Amino acid sequence: MKIWAKVMRGDKILRDVLYEGEHAPGFSGFREAVQNVAYKADVSTPVLLPAHFERFDRFNRVKFLPSDFVEDVDFTCFVLERVKEDKPVGRTVWSAAKSHAVRRR
C-alpha cells in the first residue's frame, strides 16, 4: 500500500512524504501503517479511532486534526491519502463484428 502523507498549515503543505509498505488488511494493519507514516513525516502518532479507519477504507483519505493528537502540534492537519496503483494500460480494438480489449505489454 502506498500512502501520501501531508503535514499542512492552512492550505500550505509544510512537508509531505510518500510511504510504501505491506500491511495486513483491517484496523491493525492501518494502525501499523499510520505509525510508520507518522514516524517518516516526523510527527507524533495520532490517536486512532475506528472512524478514522472507516474513512480511510471508504474514501482512501483521512484527515487528522490537532485534537486527534495527545501532544501539542504546530500544524492544522495531517492528511493521509492512499495512492492508487496504476493498472495495466489497455486499448480497445473496435471492429464491425465485435470489440475486445487488447493489453499492451
PDB file of N, CA and C in Angstrom:
ATOM      1  N   MET A   1       0.850  -1.168   0.000  1.00  0.00           N
ATOM      2  CA  MET A   1       0.000   0.000   0.000  1.00  0.00           C
ATOM      3  C   MET A   1       0.903   1.241   0.000  1.00  0.00           C
ATOM      4  N   LYS A   2       0.559   2.191  -0.844  1.00  0.00           N
ATOM      5  CA  LYS A   2       1.270   3.467  -0.883  1.00  0.00           C
ATOM      6  C   LYS A   2       0.396   4.529  -0.234  1.00  0.00           C
ATOM      7  N   ILE A   3       1.014   5.343   0.617  1.00  0.00           N
ATOM      8  CA  ILE A   3       0.292   6.413   1.294  1.00  0.00           C
ATOM      9  C   ILE A   3       1.064   7.714   1.116  1.00  0.00           C
ATOM     10  N   TRP A   4       0.345   8.747   0.691  1.00  0.00           N
ATOM     11  CA  TRP A   4       0.921  10.089   0.595  1.00  0.00           C
ATOM     12  C   TRP A   4       0.468  10.854   1.832  1.00  0.00           C
ATOM     13  N   ALA A   5       1.417  11.247   2.661  1.00  0.00           N
ATOM     14  CA  ALA A   5       1.113  11.976   3.893  1.00  0.00           C
ATOM     15  C   ALA A   5       1.505  13.436   3.728  1.00  0.00           C
ATOM     16  N   LYS A   6       0.612  14.333   4.160  1.00  0.00           N
ATOM     17  CA  LYS A   6       0.870  15.768   4.075  1.00  0.00           C
ATOM     18  C   LYS A   6       0.654  16.406   5.442  1.00  0.00           C
ATOM     19  N   VAL A   7       1.642  17.150   5.875  1.00  0.00           N
ATOM     20  CA  VAL A   7       1.526  17.953   7.094  1.00  0.00           C
ATOM     21  C   VAL A   7       1.208  19.362   6.617  1.00  0.00           C
ATOM     22  N   MET A   8       0.056  19.895   7.036  1.00  0.00           N
ATOM     23  CA  MET A   8      -0.422  21.158   6.479  1.00  0.00           C
ATOM     24  C   MET A   8      -0.691  22.197   7.562  1.00  0.00           C
ATOM     25  N   ARG A   9      -0.494  23.441   7.187  1.00  0.00           N
ATOM     26  CA  ARG A   9      -0.900  24.591   7.995  1.00  0.00           C
ATOM     27  C   ARG A   9      -1.749  25.440   7.068  1.00  0.00           C
ATOM     28  N   GLY A  10      -3.038  25.441   7.315  1.00  0.00           N
ATOM     29  CA  GLY A  10      -3.960  26.112   6.406  1.00  0.00           C
ATOM     30  C   GLY A  10      -3.997  25.343   5.091  1.00  0.00           C
ATOM     31  N   ASP A  11      -3.774  26.063   3.986  1.00  0.00           N
ATOM     32  CA  ASP A  11      -3.746  25.434   2.668  1.00  0.00           C
ATOM     33  C   ASP A  11      -2.330  25.123   2.199  1.00  0.00           C
ATOM     34  N   LYS A  12      -1.346  25.388   3.047  1.00  0.00           N
ATOM     35  CA  LYS A  12       0.049  25.213   2.660  1.00  0.00           C
ATOM     36  C   LYS A  12       0.592  23.878   3.173  1.00  0.00           C
ATOM     37  N   ILE A  13       1.252  23.143   2.297  1.00  0.00           N
ATOM     38  CA  ILE A  13       1.890  21.891   2.685  1.00  0.00           C
ATOM     39  C   ILE A  13       3.248  22.219   3.292  1.00  0.00           C
ATOM     40  N   LEU A  14       3.413  21.893   4.573  1.00  0.00           N
ATOM     41  CA  LEU A  14       4.687  22.127   5.244  1.00  0.00           C
ATOM     42  C   LEU A  14       5.717  21.064   4.854  1.00  0.00           C
ATOM     43  N   ARG A  15       5.283  19.822   4.819  1.00  0.00           N
ATOM     44  CA  ARG A  15       6.135  18.726   4.360  1.00  0.00           C
ATOM     45  C   ARG A  15       5.231  17.569   3.949  1.00  0.00           C
ATOM     46  N   ASP A  16       5.744  16.750   3.070  1.00  0.00           N
ATOM     47  CA  ASP A  16       4.999  15.584   2.632  1.00  0.00           C
ATOM     48  C   ASP A  16       5.959  14.427   2.424  1.00  0.00           C
ATOM     49  N   VAL A  17       5.434  13.227   2.560  1.00  0.00           N
ATOM     50  CA  VAL A  17       6.220  12.015   2.353  1.00  0.00           C
ATOM     51  C   VAL A  17       5.358  11.000   1.615  1.00  0.00           C
ATOM     52  N   LEU A  18       6.024  10.146   0.876  1.00  0.00           N
ATOM     53  CA  LEU A  18       5.362   9.032   0.207  1.00  0.00           C
ATOM     54  C   LEU A  18       5.850   7.766   0.882  1.00  0.00           C
ATOM     55  N   TYR A  19       4.943   7.039   1.474  1.00  0.00           N
ATOM     56  CA  TYR A  19       5.276   5.822   2.211  1.00  0.00           C
ATOM     57  C   TYR A  19       4.757   4.619   1.442  1.00  0.00           C
ATOM     58  N   GLU A  20       5.551   3.571   1.394  1.00  0.00           N
ATOM     59  CA  GLU A  20       5.120   2.335   0.754  1.00  0.00           C
ATOM     60  C   GLU A  20       5.462   1.170   1.663  1.00  0.00           C
ATOM     61  N   GLY A  21       4.501   0.327   1.931  1.00  0.00           N
ATOM     62  CA  GLY A  21       4.726  -0.819   2.797  1.00  0.00           C
ATOM     63  C   GLY A  21       3.604  -1.833   2.666  1.00  0.00           C
ATOM     64  N   GLU A  22       3.876  -3.042   3.103  1.00  0.00           N
ATOM     65  CA  GLU A  22       2.887  -4.114   3.092  1.00  0.00           C
ATOM     66  C   GLU A  22       2.315  -4.265   4.494  1.00  0.00           C
ATOM     67  N   HIS A  23       0.998  -4.195   4.598  1.00  0.00           N
ATOM     68  CA  HIS A  23       0.343  -4.300   5.895  1.00  0.00           C
ATOM     69  C   HIS A  23      -0.880  -5.184   5.762  1.00  0.00           C
ATOM     70  N   ALA A  24      -1.217  -5.827   6.854  1.00  0.00           N
ATOM     71  CA  ALA A  24      -2.402  -6.684   6.884  1.00  0.00           C
ATOM     72  C   ALA A  24      -3.651  -5.827   6.711  1.00  0.00           C
ATOM     73  N   PRO A  25      -4.655  -6.350   6.030  1.00  0.00           N
ATOM     74  CA  PRO A  25      -5.898  -5.587   5.914  1.00  0.00           C
ATOM     75  C   PRO A  25      -6.575  -5.486   7.281  1.00  0.00           C
ATOM     76  N   GLY A  26      -7.302  -4.434   7.486  1.00  0.00           N
ATOM     77  CA  GLY A  26      -8.008  -4.249   8.744  1.00  0.00           C
ATOM     78  C   GLY A  26      -7.400  -3.152   9.594  1.00  0.00           C
ATOM     79  N   PHE A  27      -7.984  -2.978  10.772  1.00  0.00           N
ATOM     80  CA  PHE A  27      -7.591  -1.878  11.648  1.00  0.00           C
ATOM     81  C   PHE A  27      -6.150  -2.016  12.135  1.00  0.00           C
ATOM     82  N   SER A  28      -5.701  -3.235  12.440  1.00  0.00           N
ATOM     83  CA  SER A  28      -4.339  -3.410  12.955  1.00  0.00           C
ATOM     84  C   SER A  28      -3.297  -3.048  11.897  1.00  0.00           C
ATOM     85  N   GLY A  29      -3.541  -3.405  10.651  1.00  0.00           N
ATOM     86  CA  GLY A  29      -2.640  -3.030   9.566  1.00  0.00           C
ATOM     87  C   GLY A  29      -2.645  -1.527   9.329  1.00  0.00           C
ATOM     88  N   PHE A  30      -3.820  -0.923   9.447  1.00  0.00           N
ATOM     89  CA  PHE A  30      -3.938   0.530   9.302  1.00  0.00           C
ATOM     90  C   PHE A  30      -3.169   1.234  10.405  1.00  0.00           C
ATOM     91  N   ARG A  31      -3.280   0.743  11.635  1.00  0.00           N
ATOM     92  CA  ARG A  31      -2.566   1.331  12.768  1.00  0.00           C
ATOM     93  C   ARG A  31      -1.052   1.273  12.540  1.00  0.00           C
ATOM     94  N   GLU A  32      -0.566   0.137  12.081  1.00  0.00           N
ATOM     95  CA  GLU A  32       0.867  -0.018  11.815  1.00  0.00           C
ATOM     96  C   GLU A  32       1.329   0.932  10.708  1.00  0.00           C
ATOM     97  N   ALA A  33       0.524   1.066   9.665  1.00  0.00           N
ATOM     98  CA  ALA A  33       0.873   1.972   8.558  1.00  0.00           C
ATOM     99  C   ALA A  33       0.903   3.422   9.035  1.00  0.00           C
ATOM    100  N   VAL A  34      -0.077   3.834   9.836  1.00  0.00           N
ATOM    101  CA  VAL A  34      -0.129   5.217  10.333  1.00  0.00           C
ATOM    102  C   VAL A  34       1.071   5.498  11.236  1.00  0.00           C
ATOM    103  N   GLN A  35       1.451   4.548  12.062  1.00  0.00           N
ATOM    104  CA  GLN A  35       2.622   4.726  12.919  1.00  0.00           C
ATOM    105  C   GLN A  35       3.883   4.932  12.080  1.00  0.00           C
ATOM    106  N   ASN A  36       4.047   4.119  11.043  1.00  0.00           N
ATOM    107  CA  ASN A  36       5.227   4.235  10.180  1.00  0.00           C
ATOM    108  C   ASN A  36       5.226   5.543   9.390  1.00  0.00           C
ATOM    109  N   VAL A  37       4.067   5.937   8.894  1.00  0.00           N
ATOM    110  CA  VAL A  37       3.956   7.188   8.136  1.00  0.00           C
ATOM    111  C   VAL A  37       4.237   8.382   9.047  1.00  0.00           C
ATOM    112  N   ALA A  38       3.682   8.375  10.236  1.00  0.00           N
ATOM    113  CA  ALA A  38       3.895   9.478  11.177  1.00  0.00           C
ATOM    114  C   ALA A  38       5.372   9.594  11.544  1.00  0.00           C
ATOM    115  N   TYR A  39       6.034   8.468  11.745  1.00  0.00           N
ATOM    116  CA  TYR A  39       7.466   8.490  12.053  1.00  0.00           C
ATOM    117  C   TYR A  39       8.257   9.091  10.896  1.00  0.00           C
ATOM    118  N   LYS A  40       7.914   8.654   9.678  1.00  0.00           N
ATOM    119  CA  LYS A  40       8.619   9.148   8.494  1.00  0.00           C
ATOM    120  C   LYS A  40       8.351  10.638   8.259  1.00  0.00           C
ATOM    121  N   ALA A  41       7.137  11.103   8.598  1.00  0.00           N
ATOM    122  CA  ALA A  41       6.777  12.511   8.418  1.00  0.00           C
ATOM    123  C   ALA A  41       7.223  13.367   9.601  1.00  0.00           C
ATOM    124  N   ASP A  42       7.807  12.754  10.612  1.00  0.00           N
ATOM    125  CA  ASP A  42       8.317  13.441  11.795  1.00  0.00           C
ATOM    126  C   ASP A  42       7.210  14.162  12.564  1.00  0.00           C
ATOM    127  N   VAL A  43       6.098  13.461  12.767  1.00  0.00           N
ATOM    128  CA  VAL A  43       5.009  13.952  13.616  1.00  0.00           C
ATOM    129  C   VAL A  43       4.677  12.857  14.621  1.00  0.00           C
ATOM    130  N   SER A  44       4.048  13.232  15.713  1.00  0.00           N
ATOM    131  CA  SER A  44       3.645  12.215  16.679  1.00  0.00           C
ATOM    132  C   SER A  44       2.486  11.397  16.095  1.00  0.00           C
ATOM    133  N   THR A  45       2.331  10.195  16.596  1.00  0.00           N
ATOM    134  CA  THR A  45       1.261   9.333  16.100  1.00  0.00           C
ATOM    135  C   THR A  45      -0.075   9.811  16.655  1.00  0.00           C
ATOM    136  N   PRO A  46      -1.063  10.029  15.785  1.00  0.00           N
ATOM    137  CA  PRO A  46      -2.376  10.475  16.274  1.00  0.00           C
ATOM    138  C   PRO A  46      -3.117   9.339  16.981  1.00  0.00           C
ATOM    139  N   VAL A  47      -4.089   9.706  17.767  1.00  0.00           N
ATOM    140  CA  VAL A  47      -4.967   8.725  18.396  1.00  0.00           C
ATOM    141  C   VAL A  47      -5.874   8.180  17.290  1.00  0.00           C
ATOM    142  N   LEU A  48      -5.881   6.861  17.148  1.00  0.00           N
ATOM    143  CA  LEU A  48      -6.653   6.245  16.065  1.00  0.00           C
ATOM    144  C   LEU A  48      -7.974   5.715  16.591  1.00  0.00           C
ATOM    145  N   LEU A  49      -9.031   6.050  15.895  1.00  0.00           N
ATOM    146  CA  LEU A  49     -10.368   5.575  16.218  1.00  0.00           C
ATOM    147  C   LEU A  49     -10.876   4.721  15.055  1.00  0.00           C
ATOM    148  N   PRO A  50     -11.828   3.843  15.310  1.00  0.00           N
ATOM    149  CA  PRO A  50     -12.394   3.068  14.209  1.00  0.00           C
ATOM    150  C   PRO A  50     -12.954   3.954  13.087  1.00  0.00           C
ATOM    151  N   ALA A  51     -13.421   5.142  13.428  1.00  0.00           N
ATOM    152  CA  ALA A  51     -13.947   6.066  12.418  1.00  0.00           C
ATOM    153  C   ALA A  51     -12.852   6.502  11.442  1.00  0.00           C
ATOM    154  N   HIS A  52     -11.616   6.664  11.932  1.00  0.00           N
ATOM    155  CA  HIS A  52     -10.511   7.029  11.051  1.00  0.00           C
ATOM    156  C   HIS A  52     -10.262   5.920  10.033  1.00  0.00           C
ATOM    157  N   PHE A  53     -10.256   4.677  10.506  1.00  0.00           N
ATOM    158  CA  PHE A  53     -10.049   3.548   9.604  1.00  0.00           C
ATOM    159  C   PHE A  53     -11.177   3.445   8.592  1.00  0.00           C
ATOM    160  N   GLU A  54     -12.407   3.632   9.037  1.00  0.00           N
ATOM    161  CA  GLU A  54     -13.557   3.541   8.133  1.00  0.00           C
ATOM    162  C   GLU A  54     -13.488   4.606   7.040  1.00  0.00           C
ATOM    163  N   ARG A  55     -13.092   5.829   7.395  1.00  0.00           N
ATOM    164  CA  ARG A  55     -12.959   6.891   6.387  1.00  0.00           C
ATOM    165  C   ARG A  55     -11.859   6.566   5.384  1.00  0.00           C
ATOM    166  N   PHE A  56     -10.729   6.074   5.898  1.00  0.00           N
ATOM    167  CA  PHE A  56      -9.625   5.735   5.012  1.00  0.00           C
ATOM    168  C   PHE A  56     -10.006   4.576   4.096  1.00  0.00           C
ATOM    169  N   ASP A  57     -10.684   3.586   4.634  1.00  0.00           N
ATOM    170  CA  ASP A  57     -11.090   2.423   3.856  1.00  0.00           C
ATOM    171  C   ASP A  57     -12.144   2.784   2.811  1.00  0.00           C
ATOM    172  N   ARG A  58     -13.050   3.666   3.171  1.00  0.00           N
ATOM    173  CA  ARG A  58     -14.159   4.013   2.267  1.00  0.00           C
ATOM    174  C   ARG A  58     -13.793   5.087   1.244  1.00  0.00           C
ATOM    175  N   PHE A  59     -13.034   6.106   1.681  1.00  0.00           N
ATOM    176  CA  PHE A  59     -12.750   7.255   0.820  1.00  0.00           C
ATOM    177  C   PHE A  59     -11.284   7.367   0.397  1.00  0.00           C
ATOM    178  N   ASN A  60     -10.415   6.440   0.855  1.00  0.00           N
ATOM    179  CA  ASN A  60      -8.977   6.456   0.538  1.00  0.00           C
ATOM    180  C   ASN A  60      -8.288   7.711   1.060  1.00  0.00           C
ATOM    181  N   ARG A  61      -8.861   8.319   2.092  1.00  0.00           N
ATOM    182  CA  ARG A  61      -8.311   9.562   2.632  1.00  0.00           C
ATOM    183  C   ARG A  61      -8.791   9.725   4.065  1.00  0.00           C
ATOM    184  N   VAL A  62      -7.898  10.194   4.927  1.00  0.00           N
ATOM    185  CA  VAL A  62      -8.287  10.505   6.296  1.00  0.00           C
ATOM    186  C   VAL A  62      -7.522  11.755   6.723  1.00  0.00           C
ATOM    187  N   LYS A  63      -8.181  12.580   7.522  1.00  0.00           N
ATOM    188  CA  LYS A  63      -7.603  13.852   7.954  1.00  0.00           C
ATOM    189  C   LYS A  63      -7.584  13.872   9.479  1.00  0.00           C
ATOM    190  N   PHE A  64      -6.391  14.093  10.040  1.00  0.00           N
ATOM    191  CA  PHE A  64      -6.234  14.190  11.482  1.00  0.00           C
ATOM    192  C   PHE A  64      -6.064  15.655  11.853  1.00  0.00           C
ATOM    193  N   LEU A  65      -6.841  16.116  12.810  1.00  0.00           N
ATOM    194  CA  LEU A  65      -6.786  17.494  13.300  1.00  0.00           C
ATOM    195  C   LEU A  65      -5.925  17.549  14.567  1.00  0.00           C
ATOM    196  N   PRO A  66      -5.530  18.727  15.008  1.00  0.00           N
ATOM    197  CA  PRO A  66      -4.735  18.821  16.239  1.00  0.00           C
ATOM    198  C   PRO A  66      -5.396  18.155  17.447  1.00  0.00           C
ATOM    199  N   SER A  67      -6.715  18.111  17.486  1.00  0.00           N
ATOM    200  CA  SER A  67      -7.411  17.453  18.596  1.00  0.00           C
ATOM    201  C   SER A  67      -7.241  15.938  18.579  1.00  0.00           C
ATOM    202  N   ASP A  68      -6.744  15.368  17.476  1.00  0.00           N
ATOM    203  CA  ASP A  68      -6.512  13.935  17.381  1.00  0.00           C
ATOM    204  C   ASP A  68      -5.143  13.530  17.915  1.00  0.00           C
ATOM    205  N   PHE A  69      -4.351  14.489  18.377  1.00  0.00           N
ATOM    206  CA  PHE A  69      -3.020  14.223  18.900  1.00  0.00           C
ATOM    207  C   PHE A  69      -2.986  14.491  20.395  1.00  0.00           C
ATOM    208  N   VAL A  70      -2.222  13.684  21.120  1.00  0.00           N
ATOM    209  CA  VAL A  70      -2.069  13.875  22.560  1.00  0.00           C
ATOM    210  C   VAL A  70      -1.176  15.080  22.823  1.00  0.00           C
ATOM    211  N   GLU A  71      -0.099  15.197  22.040  1.00  0.00           N
ATOM    212  CA  GLU A  71       0.841  16.311  22.183  1.00  0.00           C
ATOM    213  C   GLU A  71       0.349  17.525  21.404  1.00  0.00           C
ATOM    214  N   ASP A  72       0.859  18.697  21.778  1.00  0.00           N
ATOM    215  CA  ASP A  72       0.562  19.903  21.004  1.00  0.00           C
ATOM    216  C   ASP A  72       1.311  19.832  19.682  1.00  0.00           C
ATOM    217  N   VAL A  73       0.639  20.242  18.607  1.00  0.00           N
ATOM    218  CA  VAL A  73       1.258  20.221  17.276  1.00  0.00           C
ATOM    219  C   VAL A  73       1.225  21.625  16.692  1.00  0.00           C
ATOM    220  N   ASP A  74       2.117  21.902  15.745  1.00  0.00           N
ATOM    221  CA  ASP A  74       2.213  23.233  15.145  1.00  0.00           C
ATOM    222  C   ASP A  74       1.649  23.265  13.728  1.00  0.00           C
ATOM    223  N   PHE A  75       0.716  22.370  13.421  1.00  0.00           N
ATOM    224  CA  PHE A  75       0.087  22.344  12.099  1.00  0.00           C
ATOM    225  C   PHE A  75      -1.423  22.221  12.274  1.00  0.00           C
ATOM    226  N   THR A  76      -2.156  22.481  11.188  1.00  0.00           N
ATOM    227  CA  THR A  76      -3.618  22.449  11.280  1.00  0.00           C
ATOM    228  C   THR A  76      -4.213  21.101  10.923  1.00  0.00           C
ATOM    229  N   CYS A  77      -3.493  20.288  10.128  1.00  0.00           N
ATOM    230  CA  CYS A  77      -3.986  18.948   9.827  1.00  0.00           C
ATOM    231  C   CYS A  77      -2.878  18.058   9.282  1.00  0.00           C
ATOM    232  N   PHE A  78      -3.090  16.775   9.442  1.00  0.00           N
ATOM    233  CA  PHE A  78      -2.197  15.731   8.955  1.00  0.00           C
ATOM    234  C   PHE A  78      -3.079  14.844   8.088  1.00  0.00           C
ATOM    235  N   VAL A  79      -2.843  14.845   6.783  1.00  0.00           N
ATOM    236  CA  VAL A  79      -3.709  14.167   5.822  1.00  0.00           C
ATOM    237  C   VAL A  79      -2.993  12.952   5.249  1.00  0.00           C
ATOM    238  N   LEU A  80      -3.685  11.820   5.228  1.00  0.00           N
ATOM    239  CA  LEU A  80      -3.167  10.605   4.617  1.00  0.00           C
ATOM    240  C   LEU A  80      -4.065  10.232   3.448  1.00  0.00           C
ATOM    241  N   GLU A  81      -3.451  10.005   2.292  1.00  0.00           N
ATOM    242  CA  GLU A  81      -4.195   9.596   1.105  1.00  0.00           C
ATOM    243  C   GLU A  81      -3.576   8.344   0.522  1.00  0.00           C
ATOM    244  N   ARG A  82      -4.427   7.367   0.212  1.00  0.00           N
ATOM    245  CA  ARG A  82      -3.952   6.149  -0.428  1.00  0.00           C
ATOM    246  C   ARG A  82      -3.665   6.455  -1.893  1.00  0.00           C
ATOM    247  N   VAL A  83      -2.498   6.047  -2.352  1.00  0.00           N
ATOM    248  CA  VAL A  83      -2.124   6.240  -3.749  1.00  0.00           C
ATOM    249  C   VAL A  83      -2.543   4.989  -4.488  1.00  0.00           C
ATOM    250  N   LYS A  84      -3.401   5.162  -5.474  1.00  0.00           N
ATOM    251  CA  LYS A  84      -3.872   4.028  -6.256  1.00  0.00           C
ATOM    252  C   LYS A  84      -2.755   3.518  -7.146  1.00  0.00           C
ATOM    253  N   GLU A  85      -2.655   2.213  -7.239  1.00  0.00           N
ATOM    254  CA  GLU A  85      -1.670   1.589  -8.119  1.00  0.00           C
ATOM    255  C   GLU A  85      -2.153   1.725  -9.557  1.00  0.00           C
ATOM    256  N   ASP A  86      -1.205   1.969 -10.456  1.00  0.00           N
ATOM    257  CA  ASP A  86      -1.560   2.065 -11.867  1.00  0.00           C
ATOM    258  C   ASP A  86      -1.934   0.688 -12.388  1.00  0.00           C
ATOM    259  N   LYS A  87      -3.031   0.652 -13.143  1.00  0.00           N
ATOM    260  CA  LYS A  87      -3.453  -0.596 -13.760  1.00  0.00           C
ATOM    261  C   LYS A  87      -2.770  -0.704 -15.117  1.00  0.00           C
ATOM    262  N   PRO A  88      -2.628  -1.925 -15.632  1.00  0.00           N
ATOM    263  CA  PRO A  88      -2.023  -2.073 -16.957  1.00  0.00           C
ATOM    264  C   PRO A  88      -2.807  -1.285 -17.999  1.00  0.00           C
ATOM    265  N   VAL A  89      -2.071  -0.645 -18.878  1.00  0.00           N
ATOM    266  CA  VAL A  89      -2.690   0.154 -19.922  1.00  0.00           C
ATOM    267  C   VAL A  89      -3.221  -0.776 -21.000  1.00  0.00           C
ATOM    268  N   GLY A  90      -4.455  -0.580 -21.369  1.00  0.00           N
ATOM    269  CA  GLY A  90      -5.058  -1.401 -22.423  1.00  0.00           C
ATOM    270  C   GLY A  90      -5.717  -0.500 -23.443  1.00  0.00           C
ATOM    271  N   ARG A  91      -5.931  -1.032 -24.583  1.00  0.00           N
ATOM    272  CA  ARG A  91      -6.636  -0.262 -25.608  1.00  0.00           C
ATOM    273  C   ARG A  91      -7.747  -1.128 -26.155  1.00  0.00           C
ATOM    274  N   THR A  92      -8.776  -0.535 -26.635  1.00  0.00           N
ATOM    275  CA  THR A  92      -9.909  -1.261 -27.180  1.00  0.00           C
ATOM    276  C   THR A  92      -9.824  -1.254 -28.695  1.00  0.00           C
ATOM    277  N   VAL A  93      -9.959  -2.430 -29.268  1.00  0.00           N
ATOM    278  CA  VAL A  93      -9.944  -2.565 -30.721  1.00  0.00           C
ATOM    279  C   VAL A  93     -11.391  -2.729 -31.164  1.00  0.00           C
ATOM    280  N   TRP A  94     -11.844  -1.834 -32.022  1.00  0.00           N
ATOM    281  CA  TRP A  94     -13.220  -1.860 -32.488  1.00  0.00           C
ATOM    282  C   TRP A  94     -13.260  -2.418 -33.905  1.00  0.00           C
ATOM    283  N   SER A  95     -14.206  -3.283 -34.147  1.00  0.00           N
ATOM    284  CA  SER A  95     -14.449  -3.788 -35.496  1.00  0.00           C
ATOM    285  C   SER A  95     -15.954  -3.888 -35.675  1.00  0.00           C
ATOM    286  N   ALA A  96     -16.365  -4.138 -36.893  1.00  0.00           N
ATOM    287  CA  ALA A  96     -17.792  -4.225 -37.175  1.00  0.00           C
ATOM    288  C   ALA A  96     -18.404  -5.447 -36.503  1.00  0.00           C
ATOM    289  N   ALA A  97     -17.673  -6.528 -36.389  1.00  0.00           N
ATOM    290  CA  ALA A  97     -18.216  -7.760 -35.831  1.00  0.00           C
ATOM    291  C   ALA A  97     -18.267  -7.731 -34.304  1.00  0.00           C
ATOM    292  N   LYS A  98     -17.158  -7.367 -33.670  1.00  0.00           N
ATOM    293  CA  LYS A  98     -17.127  -7.366 -32.204  1.00  0.00           C
ATOM    294  C   LYS A  98     -15.995  -6.480 -31.720  1.00  0.00           C
ATOM    295  N   SER A  99     -15.989  -6.199 -30.452  1.00  0.00           N
ATOM    296  CA  SER A  99     -14.905  -5.438 -29.872  1.00  0.00           C
ATOM    297  C   SER A  99     -14.317  -6.229 -28.714  1.00  0.00           C
ATOM    298  N   HIS A 100     -13.025  -6.034 -28.502  1.00  0.00           N
ATOM    299  CA  HIS A 100     -12.374  -6.686 -27.389  1.00  0.00           C
ATOM    300  C   HIS A 100     -11.168  -5.843 -26.957  1.00  0.00           C
ATOM    301  N   ALA A 101     -10.808  -6.012 -25.717  1.00  0.00           N
ATOM    302  CA  ALA A 101      -9.677  -5.235 -25.181  1.00  0.00           C
ATOM    303  C   ALA A 101      -8.363  -5.973 -25.446  1.00  0.00           C
ATOM    304  N   VAL A 102      -7.351  -5.213 -25.805  1.00  0.00           N
ATOM    305  CA  VAL A 102      -6.033  -5.766 -26.039  1.00  0.00           C
ATOM    306  C   VAL A 102      -5.096  -5.127 -25.032  1.00  0.00           C
ATOM    307  N   ARG A 103      -4.343  -5.928 -24.320  1.00  0.00           N
ATOM    308  CA  ARG A 103      -3.406  -5.397 -23.345  1.00  0.00           C
ATOM    309  C   ARG A 103      -2.045  -5.193 -23.957  1.00  0.00           C
ATOM    310  N   ARG A 104      -1.447  -4.061 -23.626  1.00  0.00           N
ATOM    311  CA  ARG A 104      -0.081  -3.797 -24.045  1.00  0.00           C
ATOM    312  C   ARG A 104       0.869  -4.456 -23.064  1.00  0.00           C
ATOM    313  N   ARG A 105       1.987  -4.845 -23.550  1.00  0.00           N
ATOM    314  CA  ARG A 105       2.990  -5.460 -22.659  1.00  0.00           C
ATOM    315  C   ARG A 105       4.213  -4.639 -22.619  1.00  0.00           C
TER     316      ARG A 105
END
